[in-house]
């Protein structure tokens, strides 16, 4: 069973003969995103970013994380 897997992107980009430059709409969207990322939402946005970073760390190591948490809880219960 040979599966032909291709991990390359399945899209192509083109400027359709125009210069490859940003449009005003792109710049506006980028400005709004940058404003949001710089903390315009306050602490809630910072908390959301921290949660995403933790998810990025924990998700690929789910079993290991689960094992470490279980061992820590067991150790705490044995000490008490």
Protein backbone atom coordinates (compact mmCIF):
# COMPACT_ATOMS: atom_id res chain seq x y z
CA UNK A 1 0.00 0.00 0.00
CA UNK A 2 1.96 2.98 -1.28
CA UNK A 3 0.38 6.30 -0.51
CA UNK A 4 1.63 9.19 -2.55
CA UNK A 5 1.81 11.94 0.03
CA UNK A 6 2.64 15.46 -0.95
CA UNK A 7 3.27 18.03 1.73
CA UNK A 8 3.65 20.97 -0.63
CA UNK A 9 1.00 23.69 -0.67
CA UNK A 10 -1.87 23.09 -3.02
CA UNK A 11 -2.35 26.68 -4.06
CA UNK A 12 -0.62 29.08 -6.35
CA UNK A 13 -0.32 32.80 -6.10
CA UNK A 14 -0.14 35.35 -8.84
CA UNK A 15 -0.28 39.09 -9.23
CA UNK A 16 -2.20 38.60 -12.52
CA UNK A 17 0.10 40.89 -14.46
CA UNK A 18 0.01 43.64 -11.84
CA UNK A 19 3.01 44.61 -9.73
CA UNK A 20 3.37 42.35 -6.69
CA UNK A 21 2.59 45.00 -4.10
CA UNK A 22 0.18 45.39 -1.20
CA UNK A 23 -3.19 46.94 -1.83
CA UNK A 24 -4.79 49.54 0.46
CA UNK A 25 -7.24 46.87 1.65
CA UNK A 26 -4.33 44.59 2.60
CA UNK A 27 -2.62 47.43 4.47
CA UNK A 28 -5.81 48.28 6.35
CA UNK A 29 -6.33 44.66 7.40
CA UNK A 30 -2.69 44.40 8.43
CA UNK A 31 -2.96 47.61 10.45
CA UNK A 32 -6.06 46.34 12.26
CA UNK A 33 -4.34 43.05 13.04
CA UNK A 34 -1.24 44.82 14.29
CA UNK A 35 -3.35 47.07 16.50
CA UNK A 36 -5.06 44.00 17.94
CA UNK A 37 -1.77 42.18 18.51
CA UNK A 38 -0.22 45.13 20.32
CA UNK A 39 -2.67 44.68 23.16
CA UNK A 40 -5.67 46.80 22.26
CA UNK A 41 -7.83 44.19 23.99
CA UNK A 42 -5.98 44.52 27.27
CA UNK A 43 -5.44 41.70 29.70
CA UNK A 44 -7.96 39.38 28.10
CA UNK A 45 -6.01 39.40 24.85
CA UNK A 46 -2.74 38.78 26.71
CA UNK A 47 -4.36 35.86 28.53
CA UNK A 48 -5.57 34.47 25.20
CA UNK A 49 -2.05 34.71 23.74
CA UNK A 50 -0.59 32.98 26.79
CA UNK A 51 -3.16 30.18 26.48
CA UNK A 52 -2.27 29.71 22.81
CA UNK A 53 1.42 29.49 23.67
CA UNK A 54 0.73 26.91 26.38
CA UNK A 55 -1.40 24.94 23.93
CA UNK A 56 1.48 25.00 21.47
CA UNK A 57 3.77 23.56 24.13
CA UNK A 58 1.40 21.01 25.66
CA UNK A 59 -0.48 19.69 22.61
CA UNK A 60 2.45 17.95 20.89
CA UNK A 61 3.49 16.43 24.22
CA UNK A 62 0.06 15.46 25.51
CA UNK A 63 0.94 12.02 26.87
CA UNK A 64 4.12 13.26 28.53
CA UNK A 65 2.27 16.22 30.04
CA UNK A 66 -0.48 13.93 31.30
CA UNK A 67 2.11 11.64 32.87
CA UNK A 68 3.93 14.54 34.56
CA UNK A 69 0.69 15.99 35.94
CA UNK A 70 -0.35 12.56 37.25
CA UNK A 71 3.03 12.06 38.92
CA UNK A 72 2.86 15.52 40.52
CA UNK A 73 -0.65 14.88 41.86
CA UNK A 74 0.45 11.49 43.22
CA UNK A 75 3.46 13.04 44.94
CA UNK A 76 1.28 15.75 46.50
CA UNK A 77 -1.22 13.18 47.75
CA UNK A 78 1.57 11.06 49.25
CA UNK A 79 3.05 14.07 51.06
CA UNK A 80 -0.31 15.06 52.51
